[in-house]
PDB file of N, CA and C in Angstrom:
ATOM      1  N   MET A   1      87.240  93.194 100.750  1.00  0.00           N
ATOM      2  CA  MET A   1      87.701  94.521 100.362  1.00  0.00           C
ATOM      3  C   MET A   1      86.991  94.792 101.437  1.00  0.00           C
ATOM      4  N   PHE A   2      86.229  94.638 101.931  1.00  0.00           N
ATOM      5  CA  PHE A   2      85.300  94.915 103.363  1.00  0.00           C
ATOM      6  C   PHE A   2      86.302  94.749 104.818  1.00  0.00           C
ATOM      7  N   LYS A   3      86.658  93.727 104.718  1.00  0.00           N
ATOM      8  CA  LYS A   3      87.670  93.845 105.639  1.00  0.00           C
ATOM      9  C   LYS A   3      88.850  94.396 105.928  1.00  0.00           C
ATOM     10  N   SER A   4      89.600  94.337 104.473  1.00  0.00           N
ATOM     11  CA  SER A   4      90.856  95.555 104.856  1.00  0.00           C
ATOM     12  C   SER A   4      90.558  97.167 104.883  1.00  0.00           C
ATOM     13  N   ASN A   5      89.402  97.456 104.768  1.00  0.00           N
ATOM     14  CA  ASN A   5      89.269  98.957 105.002  1.00  0.00           C
ATOM     15  C   ASN A   5      87.165  99.020 105.351  1.00  0.00           C
ATOM     16  N   PRO A   6      86.731  97.939 106.427  1.00  0.00           N
ATOM     17  CA  PRO A   6      85.326  98.603 106.809  1.00  0.00           C
ATOM     18  C   PRO A   6      85.041  99.951 106.031  1.00  0.00           C
ATOM     19  N   LEU A   7      85.699 101.266 106.407  1.00  0.00           N
ATOM     20  CA  LEU A   7      85.083 102.605 106.779  1.00  0.00           C
ATOM     21  C   LEU A   7      85.125 103.006 105.240  1.00  0.00           C
ATOM     22  N   GLY A   8      86.028 102.786 104.223  1.00  0.00           N
ATOM     23  CA  GLY A   8      86.180 103.299 103.439  1.00  0.00           C
ATOM     24  C   GLY A   8      84.804 102.010 102.548  1.00  0.00           C
ATOM     25  N   PHE A   9      84.733 101.114 102.371  1.00  0.00           N
ATOM     26  CA  PHE A   9      84.010 100.079 101.704  1.00  0.00           C
ATOM     27  C   PHE A   9      82.359 100.652 102.218  1.00  0.00           C
ATOM     28  N   VAL A  10      81.813 100.884 102.844  1.00  0.00           N
ATOM     29  CA  VAL A  10      80.706 101.576 103.745  1.00  0.00           C
ATOM     30  C   VAL A  10      80.690 103.030 102.965  1.00  0.00           C
ATOM     31  N   LEU A  11      81.681 103.635 103.094  1.00  0.00           N
ATOM     32  CA  LEU A  11      81.443 105.057 102.039  1.00  0.00           C
ATOM     33  C   LEU A  11      81.353 104.857 100.541  1.00  0.00           C
ATOM     34  N   ALA A  12      81.574 103.714 100.203  1.00  0.00           N
ATOM     35  CA  ALA A  12      81.877 103.741  98.518  1.00  0.00           C
ATOM     36  C   ALA A  12      80.753 103.073  98.720  1.00  0.00           C
ATOM     37  N   VAL A  13      79.766 102.339  99.382  1.00  0.00           N
ATOM     38  CA  VAL A  13      78.766 101.841  99.019  1.00  0.00           C
ATOM     39  C   VAL A  13      77.705 102.881  98.906  1.00  0.00           C
ATOM     40  N   LEU A  14      77.818 103.651 100.183  1.00  0.00           N
ATOM     41  CA  LEU A  14      76.685 104.994 100.610  1.00  0.00           C
ATOM     42  C   LEU A  14      76.793 105.734  99.126  1.00  0.00           C
ATOM     43  N   LEU A  15      78.109 106.117  98.223  1.00  0.00           N
ATOM     44  CA  LEU A  15      78.209 106.798  97.390  1.00  0.00           C
ATOM     45  C   LEU A  15      77.350 106.126  96.174  1.00  0.00           C
ATOM     46  N   VAL A  16      77.305 104.514  96.167  1.00  0.00           N
ATOM     47  CA  VAL A  16      76.118 103.692  94.700  1.00  0.00           C
ATOM     48  C   VAL A  16      75.365 104.480  94.243  1.00  0.00           C
ATOM     49  N   PRO A  17      74.244 105.707  94.769  1.00  0.00           N
ATOM     50  CA  PRO A  17      73.645 106.135  94.509  1.00  0.00           C
ATOM     51  C   PRO A  17      74.057 107.373  93.440  1.00  0.00           C
ATOM     52  N   VAL A  18      75.018 108.031  93.927  1.00  0.00           N
ATOM     53  CA  VAL A  18      75.891 108.867  92.876  1.00  0.00           C
ATOM     54  C   VAL A  18      76.222 108.225  91.488  1.00  0.00           C
ATOM     55  N   ALA A  19      76.522 107.065  91.691  1.00  0.00           N
ATOM     56  CA  ALA A  19      77.611 106.183  90.546  1.00  0.00           C
ATOM     57  C   ALA A  19      78.445 106.311  90.709  1.00  0.00           C
ATOM     58  N   ILE A  20      79.545 107.194  91.547  1.00  0.00           N
ATOM     59  CA  ILE A  20      81.029 107.271  91.889  1.00  0.00           C
ATOM     60  C   ILE A  20      80.771 106.085  92.991  1.00  0.00           C
ATOM     61  N   GLY A  21      80.298 105.709  93.751  1.00  0.00           N
ATOM     62  CA  GLY A  21      80.625 104.510  94.357  1.00  0.00           C
ATOM     63  C   GLY A  21      80.743 103.005  93.700  1.00  0.00           C
ATOM     64  N   ILE A  22      80.170 102.985  92.142  1.00  0.00           N
ATOM     65  CA  ILE A  22      79.856 102.095  91.796  1.00  0.00           C
ATOM     66  C   ILE A  22      81.450 101.823  91.650  1.00  0.00           C
ATOM     67  N   ILE A  23      81.752 103.083  90.711  1.00  0.00           N
ATOM     68  CA  ILE A  23      83.146 103.490  90.368  1.00  0.00           C
ATOM     69  C   ILE A  23      84.220 102.715  91.027  1.00  0.00           C
ATOM     70  N   ILE A  24      84.241 103.249  92.105  1.00  0.00           N
ATOM     71  CA  ILE A  24      85.371 103.098  93.579  1.00  0.00           C
ATOM     72  C   ILE A  24      85.910 101.624  93.760  1.00  0.00           C
ATOM     73  N   LEU A  25      84.111 101.155  94.045  1.00  0.00           N
ATOM     74  CA  LEU A  25      84.036 100.053  93.904  1.00  0.00           C
ATOM     75  C   LEU A  25      84.326  98.789  93.178  1.00  0.00           C
ATOM     76  N   LEU A  26      84.622  99.031  92.133  1.00  0.00           N
ATOM     77  CA  LEU A  26      84.925  98.345  91.188  1.00  0.00           C
ATOM     78  C   LEU A  26      86.651  98.504  90.747  1.00  0.00           C
ATOM     79  N   TRP A  27      86.973  99.708  90.847  1.00  0.00           N
ATOM     80  CA  TRP A  27      88.713  99.616  90.463  1.00  0.00           C
ATOM     81  C   TRP A  27      89.084  99.075  91.841  1.00  0.00           C
ATOM     82  N   TRP A  28      88.389  99.318  92.860  1.00  0.00           N
ATOM     83  CA  TRP A  28      89.024  98.652  94.784  1.00  0.00           C
ATOM     84  C   TRP A  28      89.119  96.918  94.033  1.00  0.00           C
ATOM     85  N   TYR A  29      88.345  96.372  93.567  1.00  0.00           N
ATOM     86  CA  TYR A  29      87.790  94.714  93.105  1.00  0.00           C
ATOM     87  C   TYR A  29      88.831  94.905  92.524  1.00  0.00           C
ATOM     88  N   LEU A  30      89.214  95.202  91.557  1.00  0.00           N
ATOM     89  CA  LEU A  30      90.336  94.801  90.471  1.00  0.00           C
ATOM     90  C   LEU A  30      91.606  94.862  91.283  1.00  0.00           C
ATOM     91  N   VAL A  31      92.379  96.175  91.528  1.00  0.00           N
ATOM     92  CA  VAL A  31      92.832  96.149  92.487  1.00  0.00           C
ATOM     93  C   VAL A  31      93.733  95.247  93.630  1.00  0.00           C
ATOM     94  N   CYS A  32      92.230  94.720  93.992  1.00  0.00           N
ATOM     95  CA  CYS A  32      92.528  93.158  94.521  1.00  0.00           C
ATOM     96  C   CYS A  32      92.456  91.750  93.873  1.00  0.00           C
ATOM     97  N   LEU A  33      91.613  91.955  92.800  1.00  0.00           N
ATOM     98  CA  LEU A  33      92.193  90.590  92.323  1.00  0.00           C
ATOM     99  C   LEU A  33      93.620  90.890  91.483  1.00  0.00           C
ATOM    100  N   SER A  34      94.158  91.563  91.172  1.00  0.00           N
ATOM    101  CA  SER A  34      95.216  92.048  90.523  1.00  0.00           C
ATOM    102  C   SER A  34      96.446  91.732  91.463  1.00  0.00           C
ATOM    103  N   THR A  35      96.142  91.498  92.585  1.00  0.00           N
ATOM    104  CA  THR A  35      97.514  91.212  93.611  1.00  0.00           C
ATOM    105  C   THR A  35      97.700  89.771  94.523  1.00  0.00           C
ATOM    106  N   LYS A  36      98.803  89.034  93.690  1.00  0.00           N
ATOM    107  CA  LYS A  36      99.182  88.263  94.466  1.00  0.00           C
ATOM    108  C   LYS A  36     100.201  87.728  94.836  1.00  0.00           C
ATOM    109  N   LEU A  37     100.231  87.091  95.961  1.00  0.00           N
ATOM    110  CA  LEU A  37     101.620  87.035  96.716  1.00  0.00           C
ATOM    111  C   LEU A  37     101.575  85.331  97.548  1.00  0.00           C
ATOM    112  N   GLU A  38     102.867  84.948  96.526  1.00  0.00           N
ATOM    113  CA  GLU A  38     103.220  83.748  97.000  1.00  0.00           C
ATOM    114  C   GLU A  38     104.593  83.076  97.528  1.00  0.00           C
ATOM    115  N   VAL A  39     104.813  81.860  97.960  1.00  0.00           N
ATOM    116  CA  VAL A  39     106.082  81.549  98.328  1.00  0.00           C
ATOM    117  C   VAL A  39     106.223  80.539  97.443  1.00  0.00           C
ATOM    118  N   ILE A  40     107.231  80.380  96.695  1.00  0.00           N
ATOM    119  CA  ILE A  40     107.436  79.927  95.773  1.00  0.00           C
ATOM    120  C   ILE A  40     108.902  79.137  95.972  1.00  0.00           C
ATOM    121  N   GLY A  41     108.892  77.667  96.525  1.00  0.00           N
ATOM    122  CA  GLY A  41     110.295  77.189  96.762  1.00  0.00           C
ATOM    123  C   GLY A  41     111.136  78.101  97.903  1.00  0.00           C
ATOM    124  N   ASN A  42     112.292  78.836  97.335  1.00  0.00           N
ATOM    125  CA  ASN A  42     112.541  79.655  98.851  1.00  0.00           C
ATOM    126  C   ASN A  42     112.514  81.077  98.484  1.00  0.00           C
ATOM    127  N   ASP A  43     111.799  81.416  97.696  1.00  0.00           N
ATOM    128  CA  ASP A  43     111.037  82.797  97.132  1.00  0.00           C
ATOM    129  C   ASP A  43     109.841  83.088  97.415  1.00  0.00           C
ATOM    130  N   ILE A  44     109.860  84.734  97.589  1.00  0.00           N
ATOM    131  CA  ILE A  44     108.553  85.301  98.038  1.00  0.00           C
ATOM    132  C   ILE A  44     108.468  85.869  96.439  1.00  0.00           C
ATOM    133  N   VAL A  45     107.692  85.701  96.237  1.00  0.00           N
ATOM    134  CA  VAL A  45     107.111  86.393  94.721  1.00  0.00           C
ATOM    135  C   VAL A  45     105.166  87.542  94.542  1.00  0.00           C
ATOM    136  N   LEU A  46     105.918  88.492  94.678  1.00  0.00           N
ATOM    137  CA  LEU A  46     104.699  89.196  94.535  1.00  0.00           C
ATOM    138  C   LEU A  46     104.074  89.664  92.928  1.00  0.00           C
ATOM    139  N   THR A  47     103.290  89.374  92.281  1.00  0.00           N
ATOM    140  CA  THR A  47     102.971  89.740  91.235  1.00  0.00           C
ATOM    141  C   THR A  47     101.168  91.291  91.212  1.00  0.00           C
ATOM    142  N   LYS A  48     101.236  92.779  90.898  1.00  0.00           N
ATOM    143  CA  LYS A  48     100.555  93.174  90.657  1.00  0.00           C
ATOM    144  C   LYS A  48     100.556  92.926  88.988  1.00  0.00           C
ATOM    145  N   GLY A  49      99.161  93.879  89.122  1.00  0.00           N
ATOM    146  CA  GLY A  49      98.528  94.113  88.007  1.00  0.00           C
ATOM    147  C   GLY A  49      97.874  93.039  86.979  1.00  0.00           C
ATOM    148  N   LEU A  50      97.029  93.637  86.104  1.00  0.00           N
ATOM    149  CA  LEU A  50      95.843  92.851  85.437  1.00  0.00           C
ATOM    150  C   LEU A  50      96.605  92.985  83.876  1.00  0.00           C
ATOM    151  N   LEU A  51      96.434  94.123  83.402  1.00  0.00           N
ATOM    152  CA  LEU A  51      97.275  94.278  81.744  1.00  0.00           C
ATOM    153  C   LEU A  51      98.581  93.934  81.557  1.00  0.00           C
ATOM    154  N   SER A  52      99.332  94.717  82.381  1.00  0.00           N
ATOM    155  CA  SER A  52     100.574  95.205  82.466  1.00  0.00           C
ATOM    156  C   SER A  52     101.161  94.449  84.152  1.00  0.00           C
ATOM    157  N   LYS A  53     101.741  93.719  83.630  1.00  0.00           N
ATOM    158  CA  LYS A  53     102.338  93.024  85.065  1.00  0.00           C
ATOM    159  C   LYS A  53     103.918  93.414  85.765  1.00  0.00           C
ATOM    160  N   ASP A  54     103.717  93.879  87.416  1.00  0.00           N
ATOM    161  CA  ASP A  54     105.163  94.163  87.832  1.00  0.00           C
ATOM    162  C   ASP A  54     104.564  93.110  88.820  1.00  0.00           C
ATOM    163  N   THR A  55     106.526  92.051  88.508  1.00  0.00           N
ATOM    164  CA  THR A  55     106.384  91.229  89.646  1.00  0.00           C
ATOM    165  C   THR A  55     108.061  91.549  90.609  1.00  0.00           C
ATOM    166  N   THR A  56     107.564  91.577  91.681  1.00  0.00           N
ATOM    167  CA  THR A  56     109.207  91.258  92.684  1.00  0.00           C
ATOM    168  C   THR A  56     108.952  90.120  92.907  1.00  0.00           C
ATOM    169  N   GLU A  57     110.444  89.800  93.272  1.00  0.00           N
ATOM    170  CA  GLU A  57     110.692  88.655  93.874  1.00  0.00           C
ATOM    171  C   GLU A  57     112.134  88.797  94.774  1.00  0.00           C
ATOM    172  N   VAL A  58     112.164  88.442  95.952  1.00  0.00           N
ATOM    173  CA  VAL A  58     113.265  88.225  96.845  1.00  0.00           C
ATOM    174  C   VAL A  58     113.075  86.496  97.692  1.00  0.00           C
ATOM    175  N   ASP A  59     114.683  86.440  97.687  1.00  0.00           N
ATOM    176  CA  ASP A  59     114.884  85.304  98.276  1.00  0.00           C
ATOM    177  C   ASP A  59     114.596  85.482  99.669  1.00  0.00           C
ATOM    178  N   ILE A  60     114.106  84.289 100.351  1.00  0.00           N
ATOM    179  CA  ILE A  60     114.017  84.287 101.535  1.00  0.00           C
ATOM    180  C   ILE A  60     114.859  84.514 102.415  1.00  0.00           C
ATOM    181  N   ALA A  61     116.160  83.777 102.289  1.00  0.00           N
ATOM    182  CA  ALA A  61     117.726  84.158 102.866  1.00  0.00           C
ATOM    183  C   ALA A  61     117.948  85.496 102.955  1.00  0.00           C
ATOM    184  N   ARG A  62     117.872  86.231 101.667  1.00  0.00           N
ATOM    185  CA  ARG A  62     118.116  87.775 101.885  1.00  0.00           C
ATOM    186  C   ARG A  62     116.841  88.505 102.682  1.00  0.00           C
ATOM    187  N   ILE A  63     116.300  87.937 103.447  1.00  0.00           N
ATOM    188  CA  ILE A  63     115.125  89.030 104.393  1.00  0.00           C
ATOM    189  C   ILE A  63     115.475  89.141 105.256  1.00  0.00           C
ATOM    190  N   ARG A  64     115.650  90.766 106.327  1.00  0.00           N
ATOM    191  CA  ARG A  64     116.026  90.692 107.557  1.00  0.00           C
ATOM    192  C   ARG A  64     115.053  90.750 108.238  1.00  0.00           C
ATOM    193  N   SER A  65     113.724  91.906 107.733  1.00  0.00           N
ATOM    194  CA  SER A  65     112.525  91.769 108.981  1.00  0.00           C
ATOM    195  C   SER A  65     111.038  91.529 107.897  1.00  0.00           C
ATOM    196  N   VAL A  66     110.520  91.261 108.604  1.00  0.00           N
ATOM    197  CA  VAL A  66     108.933  91.707 107.989  1.00  0.00           C
ATOM    198  C   VAL A  66     107.734  92.355 109.047  1.00  0.00           C
ATOM    199  N   ASN A  67     107.545  93.493 108.560  1.00  0.00           N
ATOM    200  CA  ASN A  67     106.575  94.219 109.460  1.00  0.00           C
ATOM    201  C   ASN A  67     105.231  93.834 109.256  1.00  0.00           C
ATOM    202  N   VAL A  68     104.567  93.290 110.142  1.00  0.00           N
ATOM    203  CA  VAL A  68     103.426  93.356 110.056  1.00  0.00           C
ATOM    204  C   VAL A  68     102.141  94.666 110.740  1.00  0.00           C
ATOM    205  N   TYR A  69     101.860  95.336 109.897  1.00  0.00           N
ATOM    206  CA  TYR A  69     100.560  96.294 110.908  1.00  0.00           C
ATOM    207  C   TYR A  69      99.124  95.844 110.764  1.00  0.00           C
ATOM    208  N   GLN A  70      98.280  95.776 111.284  1.00  0.00           N
ATOM    209  CA  GLN A  70      97.100  95.858 111.812  1.00  0.00           C
ATOM    210  C   GLN A  70      96.228  96.892 112.622  1.00  0.00           C
ATOM    211  N   SER A  71      95.451  97.642 111.648  1.00  0.00           N
ATOM    212  CA  SER A  71      94.953  98.677 112.997  1.00  0.00           C
ATOM    213  C   SER A  71      93.708  97.632 113.981  1.00  0.00           C
ATOM    214  N   PHE A  72      93.198  98.416 114.355  1.00  0.00           N
ATOM    215  CA  PHE A  72      91.993  98.096 115.376  1.00  0.00           C
ATOM    216  C   PHE A  72      90.928  97.339 114.513  1.00  0.00           C
ATOM    217  N   PHE A  73      90.297  98.012 112.744  1.00  0.00           N
ATOM    218  CA  PHE A  73      89.401  97.199 112.441  1.00  0.00           C
ATOM    219  C   PHE A  73      90.600  95.846 111.928  1.00  0.00           C
ATOM    220  N   ASN A  74      91.603  96.233 111.730  1.00  0.00           N
ATOM    221  CA  ASN A  74      92.354  94.539 110.698  1.00  0.00           C
ATOM    222  C   ASN A  74      92.446  93.925 111.345  1.00  0.00           C
ATOM    223  N   ARG A  75      92.344  93.787 113.021  1.00  0.00           N
ATOM    224  CA  ARG A  75      92.546  92.449 113.817  1.00  0.00           C
ATOM    225  C   ARG A  75      91.610  92.524 114.212  1.00  0.00           C
ATOM    226  N   ILE A  76      90.227  93.141 114.327  1.00  0.00           N
ATOM    227  CA  ILE A  76      88.745  92.463 114.641  1.00  0.00           C
ATOM    228  C   ILE A  76      89.049  91.327 113.099  1.00  0.00           C
ATOM    229  N   PHE A  77      88.878  91.531 112.034  1.00  0.00           N
ATOM    230  CA  PHE A  77      88.580  91.276 110.529  1.00  0.00           C
ATOM    231  C   PHE A  77      89.625  90.127 110.605  1.00  0.00           C
ATOM    232  N   GLY A  78      91.206  90.128 110.928  1.00  0.00           N
ATOM    233  CA  GLY A  78      92.217  88.874 110.969  1.00  0.00           C
ATOM    234  C   GLY A  78      92.697  89.520 109.337  1.00  0.00           C
ATOM    235  N   VAL A  79      92.836  90.706 109.407  1.00  0.00           N
ATOM    236  CA  VAL A  79      93.664  91.306 108.040  1.00  0.00           C
ATOM    237  C   VAL A  79      94.942  91.756 108.535  1.00  0.00           C
ATOM    238  N   GLY A  80      95.804  92.636 107.589  1.00  0.00           N
ATOM    239  CA  GLY A  80      96.821  93.617 107.809  1.00  0.00           C
ATOM    240  C   GLY A  80      97.736  93.602 106.606  1.00  0.00           C
ATOM    241  N   ASN A  81      99.214  94.368 107.246  1.00  0.00           N
ATOM    242  CA  ASN A  81      99.693  94.837 105.793  1.00  0.00           C
ATOM    243  C   ASN A  81     100.479  94.193 106.366  1.00  0.00           C
ATOM    244  N   ILE A  82     101.974  93.962 104.942  1.00  0.00           N
ATOM    245  CA  ILE A  82     102.979  93.452 105.402  1.00  0.00           C
ATOM    246  C   ILE A  82     104.015  94.206 104.693  1.00  0.00           C
ATOM    247  N   LYS A  83     105.079  94.406 105.588  1.00  0.00           N
ATOM    248  CA  LYS A  83     106.229  95.320 104.645  1.00  0.00           C
ATOM    249  C   LYS A  83     107.666  94.151 104.583  1.00  0.00           C
ATOM    250  N   VAL A  84     108.053  93.911 103.648  1.00  0.00           N
ATOM    251  CA  VAL A  84     108.625  93.284 103.737  1.00  0.00           C
ATOM    252  C   VAL A  84     110.782  93.758 103.081  1.00  0.00           C
ATOM    253  N   TYR A  85     111.730  93.641 104.050  1.00  0.00           N
ATOM    254  CA  TYR A  85     112.700  94.388 104.164  1.00  0.00           C
ATOM    255  C   TYR A  85     113.812  93.424 103.717  1.00  0.00           C
ATOM    256  N   THR A  86     114.800  93.945 103.531  1.00  0.00           N
ATOM    257  CA  THR A  86     115.957  93.070 102.944  1.00  0.00           C
ATOM    258  C   THR A  86     117.341  94.158 103.377  1.00  0.00           C
ATOM    259  N   ALA A  87     117.597  95.026 102.567  1.00  0.00           N
ATOM    260  CA  ALA A  87     118.861  95.576 103.153  1.00  0.00           C
ATOM    261  C   ALA A  87     118.245  97.222 102.609  1.00  0.00           C
ATOM    262  N   GLY A  88     118.963  97.870 103.773  1.00  0.00           N
ATOM    263  CA  GLY A  88     118.658  99.206 103.616  1.00  0.00           C
ATOM    264  C   GLY A  88     117.239  99.735 104.850  1.00  0.00           C
ATOM    265  N   ASP A  89     116.931 100.858 104.388  1.00  0.00           N
ATOM    266  CA  ASP A  89     115.566 101.347 105.668  1.00  0.00           C
ATOM    267  C   ASP A  89     114.202 101.608 104.969  1.00  0.00           C
ATOM    268  N   GLU A  90     113.617 101.448 103.444  1.00  0.00           N
ATOM    269  CA  GLU A  90     113.067 100.993 102.527  1.00  0.00           C
ATOM    270  C   GLU A  90     112.576  99.669 102.420  1.00  0.00           C
ATOM    271  N   PRO A  91     111.429  99.392 102.659  1.00  0.00           N
ATOM    272  CA  PRO A  91     111.062  97.998 102.647  1.00  0.00           C
ATOM    273  C   PRO A  91     111.159  97.666 100.880  1.00  0.00           C
ATOM    274  N   GLU A  92     111.225  96.430 100.279  1.00  0.00           N
ATOM    275  CA  GLU A  92     110.920  95.668  99.346  1.00  0.00           C
ATOM    276  C   GLU A  92     110.057  95.779  99.210  1.00  0.00           C
ATOM    277  N   PHE A  93     109.079  95.761  99.117  1.00  0.00           N
ATOM    278  CA  PHE A  93     107.585  95.568  98.931  1.00  0.00           C
ATOM    279  C   PHE A  93     106.793  95.942 100.298  1.00  0.00           C
ATOM    280  N   GLU A  94     105.603  96.059  99.805  1.00  0.00           N
ATOM    281  CA  GLU A  94     104.328  96.872 100.609  1.00  0.00           C
ATOM    282  C   GLU A  94     103.101  95.927 100.126  1.00  0.00           C
ATOM    283  N   VAL A  95     102.636  95.249 101.392  1.00  0.00           N
ATOM    284  CA  VAL A  95     101.063  94.585 100.876  1.00  0.00           C
ATOM    285  C   VAL A  95      99.864  95.120 101.077  1.00  0.00           C
ATOM    286  N   SER A  96      99.318  95.439 101.170  1.00  0.00           N
ATOM    287  CA  SER A  96      97.998  95.473 102.011  1.00  0.00           C
ATOM    288  C   SER A  96      96.668  94.654 102.283  1.00  0.00           C
ATOM    289  N   GLY A  97      96.301  94.159 103.227  1.00  0.00           N
ATOM    290  CA  GLY A  97      94.748  93.800 103.064  1.00  0.00           C
ATOM    291  C   GLY A  97      94.902  92.214 102.613  1.00  0.00           C
ATOM    292  N   ILE A  98      95.999  91.646 103.552  1.00  0.00           N
ATOM    293  CA  ILE A  98      96.747  90.192 103.341  1.00  0.00           C
ATOM    294  C   ILE A  98      95.767  89.697 104.784  1.00  0.00           C
ATOM    295  N   PRO A  99      94.609  88.532 104.381  1.00  0.00           N
ATOM    296  CA  PRO A  99      94.516  87.509 105.548  1.00  0.00           C
ATOM    297  C   PRO A  99      95.366  87.015 106.527  1.00  0.00           C
ATOM    298  N   ASP A 100      95.463  86.967 107.724  1.00  0.00           N
ATOM    299  CA  ASP A 100      96.096  86.720 108.533  1.00  0.00           C
ATOM    300  C   ASP A 100      97.616  86.947 108.342  1.00  0.00           C
ATOM    301  N   PRO A 101      97.968  88.035 107.813  1.00  0.00           N
ATOM    302  CA  PRO A 101      99.223  88.165 107.755  1.00  0.00           C
ATOM    303  C   PRO A 101     100.417  87.989 109.344  1.00  0.00           C
ATOM    304  N   ASN A 102     100.628  87.438 110.142  1.00  0.00           N
ATOM    305  CA  ASN A 102     101.355  87.180 111.002  1.00  0.00           C
ATOM    306  C   ASN A 102     101.659  85.363 110.747  1.00  0.00           C
ATOM    307  N   LYS A 103     100.475  84.843 110.020  1.00  0.00           N
ATOM    308  CA  LYS A 103     100.596  83.090 109.359  1.00  0.00           C
ATOM    309  C   LYS A 103     102.177  83.350 108.482  1.00  0.00           C
ATOM    310  N   PHE A 104     102.319  84.880 107.890  1.00  0.00           N
ATOM    311  CA  PHE A 104     102.981  84.987 106.580  1.00  0.00           C
ATOM    312  C   PHE A 104     104.569  85.161 107.208  1.00  0.00           C
ATOM    313  N   ARG A 105     104.231  85.682 108.572  1.00  0.00           N
ATOM    314  CA  ARG A 105     105.751  85.758 109.212  1.00  0.00           C
ATOM    315  C   ARG A 105     106.278  84.774 109.616  1.00  0.00           C
ATOM    316  N   LEU A 106     105.443  84.096 109.978  1.00  0.00           N
ATOM    317  CA  LEU A 106     105.413  83.109 110.214  1.00  0.00           C
ATOM    318  C   LEU A 106     106.450  82.018 109.884  1.00  0.00           C
ATOM    319  N   LEU A 107     105.594  82.008 108.807  1.00  0.00           N
ATOM    320  CA  LEU A 107     106.412  81.026 107.181  1.00  0.00           C
ATOM    321  C   LEU A 107     107.694  81.282 107.032  1.00  0.00           C
ATOM    322  N   VAL A 108     108.015  82.828 106.901  1.00  0.00           N
ATOM    323  CA  VAL A 108     109.114  83.070 106.370  1.00  0.00           C
ATOM    324  C   VAL A 108     110.115  83.193 107.575  1.00  0.00           C
ATOM    325  N   LYS A 109     110.190  83.110 108.917  1.00  0.00           N
ATOM    326  CA  LYS A 109     110.796  82.744 109.870  1.00  0.00           C
ATOM    327  C   LYS A 109     111.080  81.225 110.090  1.00  0.00           C
ATOM    328  N   GLU A 110     110.133  80.321 109.583  1.00  0.00           N
ATOM    329  CA  GLU A 110     110.364  78.567 109.541  1.00  0.00           C
ATOM    330  C   GLU A 110     110.781  78.704 108.403  1.00  0.00           C
ATOM    331  N   ILE A 111     110.835  78.804 107.066  1.00  0.00           N
ATOM    332  CA  ILE A 111     111.618  78.730 106.129  1.00  0.00           C
ATOM    333  C   ILE A 111     113.198  79.096 106.495  1.00  0.00           C
ATOM    334  N   GLN A 112     113.578  80.547 106.912  1.00  0.00           N
ATOM    335  CA  GLN A 112     114.629  80.558 107.448  1.00  0.00           C
ATOM    336  C   GLN A 112     115.366  79.501 107.696  1.00  0.00           C
ATOM    337  N   GLY A 113     114.914  79.262 109.091  1.00  0.00           N
ATOM    338  CA  GLY A 113     115.458  79.143 110.132  1.00  0.00           C
ATOM    339  C   GLY A 113     115.814  77.540 110.181  1.00  0.00           C
TER     340      GLY A 113
END
């Protein structure tokens, strides 16, 4: 959590004495815990949610491009955001706080190619 948004994490920790910081950190932890990105065979599967699940599955052969964004702090801590595009201008899905996002991009290229 700290790696993906260090300033937000520090702010939440500073708000712990007011009790809202605990709620923010708990919510953030549950969001991180409930997001799972996997490569299964020739498919990329993104699953979100603890109680209810939202699953997006994309065939790697259909992927047109993978956009990796890393802010200055993200680059320092080795995390980033990934957007996967198939057809059209809108991403098929977007995931934040992924460790070593360029490794994911290279994995997709390797499987495609």
